[in-house]
Amino acid sequence: MNEQENTKLAGQMYETFNAGDIESFLNLFSDDVVWQSPEIENVPLNGKLSGRENLAGFISSLDDYEEFLKMEPTEFIAQADKVVVLGNFLCRSKTTNKQYSTDFAHIVTVADGKIVSFYEFFDNAAAGRAHTATKAA
């Protein structure tokens, strides 16, 4: 695939996620995809996982902890097999009802028409704070 096709595939990832179409979202990924998220204090869903089945479990479990109120990619930068996506999201912790907003950078790697790697960076400290219950005085 060329850079334009890779960018289109990355865009479809956000479209299907935002639409809640998890089946179509998962079909964009290779069977052996590697997904890496930053460590987030007080959230069990983080770190590195491999395989589309594990990704499906991650996405399903994510819904137990967070509600994405906005996921907005604002810029796609493609070179060779990589697409860097810059954007922002607004999220609500379902355990504390606190919201947090952060910019993100996602690195998407494409091979043979599928996403083979997804690496994300965002303000994990803000996410950790949102997932931390306020202590009574």
N, C-alpha and C. Protein backbone atom coordinates (compact mmCIF):
# COMPACT_ATOMS: atom_id res chain seq x y z
N MET A 1 0.84 -1.18 0.00
CA MET A 1 0.00 0.00 0.00
C MET A 1 0.88 1.24 0.00
N ASN A 2 0.36 2.29 -0.56
CA ASN A 2 1.11 3.54 -0.56
C ASN A 2 0.70 4.40 0.63
N GLU A 3 1.35 5.54 0.77
CA GLU A 3 1.11 6.40 1.93
C GLU A 3 -0.34 6.90 1.99
N GLN A 4 -0.93 7.19 0.83
CA GLN A 4 -2.31 7.65 0.79
C GLN A 4 -3.26 6.55 1.27
N GLU A 5 -3.04 5.32 0.84
CA GLU A 5 -3.87 4.20 1.28
C GLU A 5 -3.68 3.92 2.77
N ASN A 6 -2.45 4.04 3.25
CA ASN A 6 -2.18 3.83 4.67
C ASN A 6 -2.90 4.89 5.52
N THR A 7 -2.89 6.13 5.03
CA THR A 7 -3.58 7.21 5.73
C THR A 7 -5.08 6.94 5.76
N LYS A 8 -5.63 6.47 4.65
CA LYS A 8 -7.06 6.14 4.60
C LYS A 8 -7.39 5.04 5.60
N LEU A 9 -6.56 4.02 5.68
CA LEU A 9 -6.78 2.92 6.63
C LEU A 9 -6.74 3.44 8.07
N ALA A 10 -5.77 4.30 8.37
CA ALA A 10 -5.69 4.88 9.72
C ALA A 10 -6.95 5.70 10.00
N GLY A 11 -7.43 6.45 9.03
CA GLY A 11 -8.66 7.22 9.21
C GLY A 11 -9.86 6.34 9.48
N GLN A 12 -9.92 5.20 8.81
CA GLN A 12 -11.02 4.25 9.03
C GLN A 12 -10.99 3.70 10.47
N MET A 13 -9.80 3.59 11.03
CA MET A 13 -9.68 3.11 12.40
C MET A 13 -10.45 4.05 13.34
N TYR A 14 -10.28 5.36 13.18
CA TYR A 14 -10.97 6.33 14.02
C TYR A 14 -12.47 6.38 13.71
N GLU A 15 -12.82 6.29 12.43
CA GLU A 15 -14.23 6.32 12.05
C GLU A 15 -15.00 5.16 12.67
N THR A 16 -14.45 3.96 12.57
CA THR A 16 -15.15 2.78 13.11
C THR A 16 -15.18 2.81 14.63
N PHE A 17 -14.09 3.27 15.26
CA PHE A 17 -14.07 3.38 16.73
C PHE A 17 -15.13 4.37 17.19
N ASN A 18 -15.16 5.56 16.58
CA ASN A 18 -16.12 6.59 16.97
C ASN A 18 -17.56 6.16 16.71
N ALA A 19 -17.78 5.33 15.69
CA ALA A 19 -19.12 4.84 15.37
C ALA A 19 -19.54 3.69 16.29
N GLY A 20 -18.59 3.18 17.08
CA GLY A 20 -18.89 2.03 17.93
C GLY A 20 -18.99 0.73 17.16
N ASP A 21 -18.46 0.71 15.95
CA ASP A 21 -18.49 -0.49 15.09
C ASP A 21 -17.23 -1.31 15.37
N ILE A 22 -17.26 -2.04 16.47
CA ILE A 22 -16.07 -2.75 16.93
C ILE A 22 -15.66 -3.86 15.97
N GLU A 23 -16.61 -4.54 15.36
CA GLU A 23 -16.26 -5.60 14.41
C GLU A 23 -15.46 -5.03 13.23
N SER A 24 -15.95 -3.94 12.65
CA SER A 24 -15.22 -3.32 11.53
C SER A 24 -13.88 -2.76 12.00
N PHE A 25 -13.86 -2.20 13.20
CA PHE A 25 -12.61 -1.69 13.79
C PHE A 25 -11.58 -2.82 13.87
N LEU A 26 -11.96 -3.95 14.45
CA LEU A 26 -11.03 -5.06 14.62
C LEU A 26 -10.57 -5.65 13.28
N ASN A 27 -11.44 -5.61 12.28
CA ASN A 27 -11.09 -6.15 10.96
C ASN A 27 -10.01 -5.34 10.25
N LEU A 28 -9.70 -4.15 10.75
CA LEU A 28 -8.63 -3.33 10.17
C LEU A 28 -7.25 -3.80 10.61
N PHE A 29 -7.19 -4.67 11.62
CA PHE A 29 -5.94 -5.09 12.23
C PHE A 29 -5.54 -6.50 11.78
N SER A 30 -4.24 -6.73 11.71
CA SER A 30 -3.73 -8.06 11.38
C SER A 30 -3.98 -9.01 12.55
N ASP A 31 -3.95 -10.30 12.26
CA ASP A 31 -4.14 -11.30 13.32
C ASP A 31 -3.09 -11.19 14.41
N ASP A 32 -1.89 -10.75 14.04
CA ASP A 32 -0.77 -10.69 15.00
C ASP A 32 -0.40 -9.24 15.37
N VAL A 33 -1.40 -8.36 15.35
CA VAL A 33 -1.16 -6.95 15.68
C VAL A 33 -0.50 -6.80 17.04
N VAL A 34 0.34 -5.77 17.16
CA VAL A 34 0.92 -5.39 18.45
C VAL A 34 0.35 -4.03 18.80
N TRP A 35 -0.23 -3.93 20.00
CA TRP A 35 -0.87 -2.69 20.48
C TRP A 35 -0.15 -2.29 21.75
N GLN A 36 0.30 -1.05 21.81
CA GLN A 36 1.00 -0.60 23.01
C GLN A 36 0.43 0.72 23.50
N SER A 37 0.01 0.70 24.78
CA SER A 37 -0.53 1.88 25.46
C SER A 37 0.35 2.20 26.65
N PRO A 38 0.37 3.46 27.06
CA PRO A 38 1.18 3.82 28.23
C PRO A 38 0.60 3.22 29.51
N GLU A 39 1.46 3.06 30.48
CA GLU A 39 1.02 2.61 31.80
C GLU A 39 0.20 3.72 32.44
N ILE A 40 -0.94 3.37 33.01
CA ILE A 40 -1.81 4.36 33.65
C ILE A 40 -2.09 3.89 35.07
N GLU A 41 -1.75 4.72 36.01
CA GLU A 41 -2.01 4.39 37.41
C GLU A 41 -3.52 4.23 37.63
N ASN A 42 -3.90 3.21 38.37
CA ASN A 42 -5.29 2.91 38.73
C ASN A 42 -6.14 2.38 37.58
N VAL A 43 -5.52 2.02 36.46
CA VAL A 43 -6.26 1.47 35.33
C VAL A 43 -5.58 0.16 34.92
N PRO A 44 -6.30 -0.95 34.98
CA PRO A 44 -5.68 -2.23 34.65
C PRO A 44 -5.45 -2.45 33.16
N LEU A 45 -5.97 -1.59 32.32
CA LEU A 45 -5.86 -1.77 30.88
C LEU A 45 -4.76 -0.90 30.31
N ASN A 46 -3.57 -1.41 30.29
CA ASN A 46 -2.46 -0.66 29.72
C ASN A 46 -1.34 -1.61 29.39
N GLY A 47 -0.29 -1.06 28.81
CA GLY A 47 0.86 -1.87 28.44
C GLY A 47 0.75 -2.42 27.04
N LYS A 48 1.45 -3.50 26.79
CA LYS A 48 1.59 -4.06 25.46
C LYS A 48 0.81 -5.37 25.35
N LEU A 49 0.12 -5.52 24.23
CA LEU A 49 -0.57 -6.78 23.97
C LEU A 49 -0.35 -7.16 22.52
N SER A 50 -0.54 -8.44 22.23
CA SER A 50 -0.33 -8.95 20.88
C SER A 50 -1.52 -9.81 20.46
N GLY A 51 -1.89 -9.68 19.20
CA GLY A 51 -2.94 -10.51 18.62
C GLY A 51 -4.29 -9.81 18.61
N ARG A 52 -5.02 -10.04 17.52
CA ARG A 52 -6.33 -9.41 17.37
C ARG A 52 -7.32 -9.89 18.43
N GLU A 53 -7.23 -11.16 18.85
CA GLU A 53 -8.12 -11.64 19.92
C GLU A 53 -7.88 -10.88 21.21
N ASN A 54 -6.62 -10.65 21.56
CA ASN A 54 -6.31 -9.88 22.77
C ASN A 54 -6.74 -8.43 22.63
N LEU A 55 -6.62 -7.88 21.41
CA LEU A 55 -7.09 -6.52 21.16
C LEU A 55 -8.61 -6.44 21.35
N ALA A 56 -9.33 -7.45 20.88
CA ALA A 56 -10.78 -7.48 21.06
C ALA A 56 -11.13 -7.48 22.54
N GLY A 57 -10.41 -8.26 23.33
CA GLY A 57 -10.64 -8.28 24.78
C GLY A 57 -10.33 -6.95 25.42
N PHE A 58 -9.25 -6.31 24.97
CA PHE A 58 -8.86 -5.00 25.48
C PHE A 58 -9.95 -3.96 25.21
N ILE A 59 -10.41 -3.91 23.97
CA ILE A 59 -11.43 -2.93 23.58
C ILE A 59 -12.73 -3.19 24.36
N SER A 60 -13.09 -4.44 24.52
CA SER A 60 -14.29 -4.79 25.28
C SER A 60 -14.15 -4.37 26.74
N SER A 61 -13.00 -4.63 27.33
CA SER A 61 -12.76 -4.26 28.73
C SER A 61 -12.64 -2.76 28.91
N LEU A 62 -12.13 -2.08 27.89
CA LEU A 62 -12.00 -0.63 27.94
C LEU A 62 -13.35 0.02 28.23
N ASP A 63 -14.40 -0.56 27.67
CA ASP A 63 -15.74 -0.02 27.86
C ASP A 63 -16.19 -0.12 29.32
N ASP A 64 -15.59 -1.01 30.10
CA ASP A 64 -15.93 -1.12 31.52
C ASP A 64 -15.35 0.04 32.33
N TYR A 65 -14.29 0.67 31.82
CA TYR A 65 -13.56 1.68 32.59
C TYR A 65 -13.69 3.10 32.06
N GLU A 66 -13.86 3.23 30.75
CA GLU A 66 -13.84 4.57 30.17
C GLU A 66 -14.94 4.75 29.14
N GLU A 67 -15.41 6.00 29.05
CA GLU A 67 -16.32 6.40 28.00
C GLU A 67 -15.63 7.50 27.20
N PHE A 68 -15.40 7.24 25.92
CA PHE A 68 -14.78 8.25 25.07
C PHE A 68 -15.86 9.20 24.59
N LEU A 69 -15.79 10.44 25.05
CA LEU A 69 -16.76 11.45 24.68
C LEU A 69 -16.38 12.12 23.36
N LYS A 70 -15.09 12.12 23.07
CA LYS A 70 -14.59 12.67 21.81
C LYS A 70 -13.25 12.01 21.50
N MET A 71 -13.09 11.58 20.27
CA MET A 71 -11.81 11.06 19.77
C MET A 71 -11.62 11.71 18.41
N GLU A 72 -10.74 12.71 18.36
CA GLU A 72 -10.64 13.52 17.16
C GLU A 72 -9.21 13.58 16.62
N PRO A 73 -8.96 12.82 15.55
CA PRO A 73 -7.67 12.99 14.88
C PRO A 73 -7.68 14.31 14.13
N THR A 74 -6.57 15.06 14.21
CA THR A 74 -6.52 16.36 13.55
C THR A 74 -5.46 16.43 12.45
N GLU A 75 -4.51 15.50 12.48
CA GLU A 75 -3.45 15.53 11.47
C GLU A 75 -2.92 14.12 11.24
N PHE A 76 -2.72 13.77 9.97
CA PHE A 76 -2.15 12.48 9.58
C PHE A 76 -0.85 12.75 8.84
N ILE A 77 0.23 12.14 9.30
CA ILE A 77 1.54 12.32 8.68
C ILE A 77 2.03 10.93 8.27
N ALA A 78 2.11 10.68 6.96
CA ALA A 78 2.46 9.36 6.47
C ALA A 78 3.84 9.35 5.84
N GLN A 79 4.57 8.29 6.13
CA GLN A 79 5.85 8.05 5.48
C GLN A 79 6.08 6.54 5.44
N ALA A 80 6.28 6.04 4.24
CA ALA A 80 6.48 4.61 4.02
C ALA A 80 5.32 3.83 4.65
N ASP A 81 5.60 2.90 5.58
CA ASP A 81 4.56 2.06 6.16
C ASP A 81 3.97 2.62 7.45
N LYS A 82 4.36 3.84 7.84
CA LYS A 82 3.91 4.43 9.10
C LYS A 82 3.01 5.64 8.85
N VAL A 83 2.01 5.77 9.75
CA VAL A 83 1.17 6.96 9.77
C VAL A 83 1.17 7.45 11.21
N VAL A 84 1.63 8.67 11.40
CA VAL A 84 1.56 9.31 12.72
C VAL A 84 0.29 10.15 12.72
N VAL A 85 -0.53 9.91 13.73
CA VAL A 85 -1.80 10.63 13.84
C VAL A 85 -1.75 11.48 15.11
N LEU A 86 -1.98 12.77 14.92
CA LEU A 86 -2.05 13.70 16.04
C LEU A 86 -3.51 14.08 16.25
N GLY A 87 -3.89 14.28 17.49
CA GLY A 87 -5.27 14.65 17.76
C GLY A 87 -5.50 14.85 19.24
N ASN A 88 -6.76 14.77 19.62
CA ASN A 88 -7.11 14.92 21.02
C ASN A 88 -8.34 14.09 21.33
N PHE A 89 -8.49 13.77 22.61
CA PHE A 89 -9.70 13.08 23.03
C PHE A 89 -10.15 13.56 24.39
N LEU A 90 -11.42 13.35 24.65
CA LEU A 90 -12.04 13.65 25.93
C LEU A 90 -12.65 12.34 26.42
N CYS A 91 -12.34 12.01 27.66
CA CYS A 91 -12.73 10.71 28.18
C CYS A 91 -13.30 10.88 29.59
N ARG A 92 -14.21 9.98 29.96
CA ARG A 92 -14.77 9.97 31.31
C ARG A 92 -14.47 8.62 31.95
N SER A 93 -13.92 8.66 33.16
CA SER A 93 -13.70 7.45 33.93
C SER A 93 -15.05 6.96 34.45
N LYS A 94 -15.37 5.73 34.18
CA LYS A 94 -16.64 5.17 34.66
C LYS A 94 -16.57 4.81 36.14
N THR A 95 -15.38 4.71 36.70
CA THR A 95 -15.26 4.37 38.12
C THR A 95 -15.36 5.61 39.01
N THR A 96 -14.95 6.77 38.52
CA THR A 96 -14.98 7.99 39.35
C THR A 96 -15.90 9.08 38.78
N ASN A 97 -16.32 8.91 37.53
CA ASN A 97 -17.12 9.90 36.81
C ASN A 97 -16.35 11.18 36.49
N LYS A 98 -15.03 11.17 36.66
CA LYS A 98 -14.19 12.33 36.32
C LYS A 98 -13.82 12.27 34.83
N GLN A 99 -13.73 13.46 34.23
CA GLN A 99 -13.33 13.56 32.84
C GLN A 99 -11.89 14.05 32.73
N TYR A 100 -11.26 13.68 31.63
CA TYR A 100 -9.95 14.24 31.30
C TYR A 100 -9.86 14.41 29.80
N SER A 101 -9.09 15.41 29.43
CA SER A 101 -8.86 15.72 28.03
C SER A 101 -7.36 15.71 27.79
N THR A 102 -6.94 15.20 26.65
CA THR A 102 -5.52 15.15 26.34
C THR A 102 -5.30 15.13 24.83
N ASP A 103 -4.17 15.67 24.44
CA ASP A 103 -3.71 15.49 23.07
C ASP A 103 -3.11 14.10 22.97
N PHE A 104 -3.04 13.57 21.75
CA PHE A 104 -2.42 12.26 21.57
C PHE A 104 -1.55 12.25 20.32
N ALA A 105 -0.64 11.30 20.32
CA ALA A 105 0.13 10.95 19.13
C ALA A 105 0.04 9.43 19.01
N HIS A 106 -0.43 8.96 17.88
CA HIS A 106 -0.54 7.53 17.62
C HIS A 106 0.36 7.19 16.44
N ILE A 107 1.10 6.12 16.56
CA ILE A 107 1.93 5.64 15.46
C ILE A 107 1.32 4.34 14.96
N VAL A 108 0.84 4.37 13.73
CA VAL A 108 0.18 3.23 13.12
C VAL A 108 1.10 2.68 12.04
N THR A 109 1.37 1.38 12.10
CA THR A 109 2.20 0.73 11.08
C THR A 109 1.31 -0.22 10.28
N VAL A 110 1.44 -0.15 8.96
CA VAL A 110 0.60 -0.91 8.05
C VAL A 110 1.44 -1.87 7.22
N ALA A 111 0.92 -3.08 7.03
CA ALA A 111 1.54 -4.06 6.12
C ALA A 111 0.42 -4.89 5.49
N ASP A 112 0.51 -5.10 4.21
CA ASP A 112 -0.46 -5.93 3.48
C ASP A 112 -1.92 -5.52 3.73
N GLY A 113 -2.15 -4.21 3.81
CA GLY A 113 -3.51 -3.72 3.93
C GLY A 113 -4.12 -3.81 5.31
N LYS A 114 -3.32 -4.14 6.33
CA LYS A 114 -3.82 -4.25 7.69
C LYS A 114 -2.91 -3.47 8.64
N ILE A 115 -3.46 -3.05 9.76
CA ILE A 115 -2.66 -2.39 10.79
C ILE A 115 -1.95 -3.49 11.57
N VAL A 116 -0.62 -3.43 11.59
CA VAL A 116 0.16 -4.45 12.28
C VAL A 116 0.72 -3.97 13.61
N SER A 117 0.70 -2.65 13.81
CA SER A 117 1.21 -2.09 15.06
C SER A 117 0.51 -0.76 15.34
N PHE A 118 0.20 -0.56 16.62
CA PHE A 118 -0.41 0.68 17.07
C PHE A 118 0.29 1.05 18.38
N TYR A 119 0.87 2.23 18.42
CA TYR A 119 1.61 2.69 19.60
C TYR A 119 1.06 4.07 19.95
N GLU A 120 0.55 4.23 21.17
CA GLU A 120 -0.07 5.51 21.51
C GLU A 120 0.64 6.21 22.66
N PHE A 121 0.61 7.53 22.54
CA PHE A 121 1.16 8.42 23.56
C PHE A 121 0.09 9.46 23.89
N PHE A 122 -0.13 9.68 25.19
CA PHE A 122 -1.05 10.72 25.64
C PHE A 122 -0.71 11.04 27.08
N ASP A 123 -1.42 11.97 27.67
CA ASP A 123 -1.15 12.39 29.05
C ASP A 123 -1.69 11.33 30.01
N ASN A 124 -0.89 10.31 30.27
CA ASN A 124 -1.34 9.23 31.14
C ASN A 124 -1.47 9.69 32.59
N ALA A 125 -0.78 10.75 32.99
CA ALA A 125 -0.94 11.28 34.36
C ALA A 125 -2.35 11.85 34.52
N ALA A 126 -2.85 12.55 33.51
CA ALA A 126 -4.22 13.07 33.56
C ALA A 126 -5.22 11.93 33.63
N ALA A 127 -4.96 10.87 32.86
CA ALA A 127 -5.84 9.70 32.90
C ALA A 127 -5.81 9.06 34.29
N GLY A 128 -4.63 8.94 34.86
CA GLY A 128 -4.51 8.36 36.20
C GLY A 128 -5.26 9.18 37.24
N ARG A 129 -5.16 10.50 37.15
CA ARG A 129 -5.88 11.36 38.09
C ARG A 129 -7.39 11.18 37.94
N ALA A 130 -7.86 11.06 36.72
CA ALA A 130 -9.29 10.89 36.48
C ALA A 130 -9.80 9.57 37.05
N HIS A 131 -8.94 8.58 37.09
CA HIS A 131 -9.33 7.26 37.59
C HIS A 131 -9.07 7.08 39.08
N THR A 132 -8.58 8.13 39.72
CA THR A 132 -8.31 8.06 41.16
C THR A 132 -9.46 8.67 41.92
N ALA A 133 -10.03 7.90 42.82
CA ALA A 133 -11.13 8.40 43.64
C ALA A 133 -10.59 9.45 44.61
N THR A 134 -11.37 10.48 44.83
CA THR A 134 -11.00 11.54 45.77
C THR A 134 -11.10 11.00 47.18
N LYS A 135 -10.06 11.23 47.97
CA LYS A 135 -10.04 10.77 49.35
C LYS A 135 -10.80 11.75 50.24
N ALA A 136 -11.58 11.19 51.14
CA ALA A 136 -12.32 12.04 52.10
C ALA A 136 -11.38 12.66 53.09
N ALA A 137 -11.67 13.89 53.51
CA ALA A 137 -10.79 14.61 54.46
C ALA A 137 -11.02 14.15 55.87
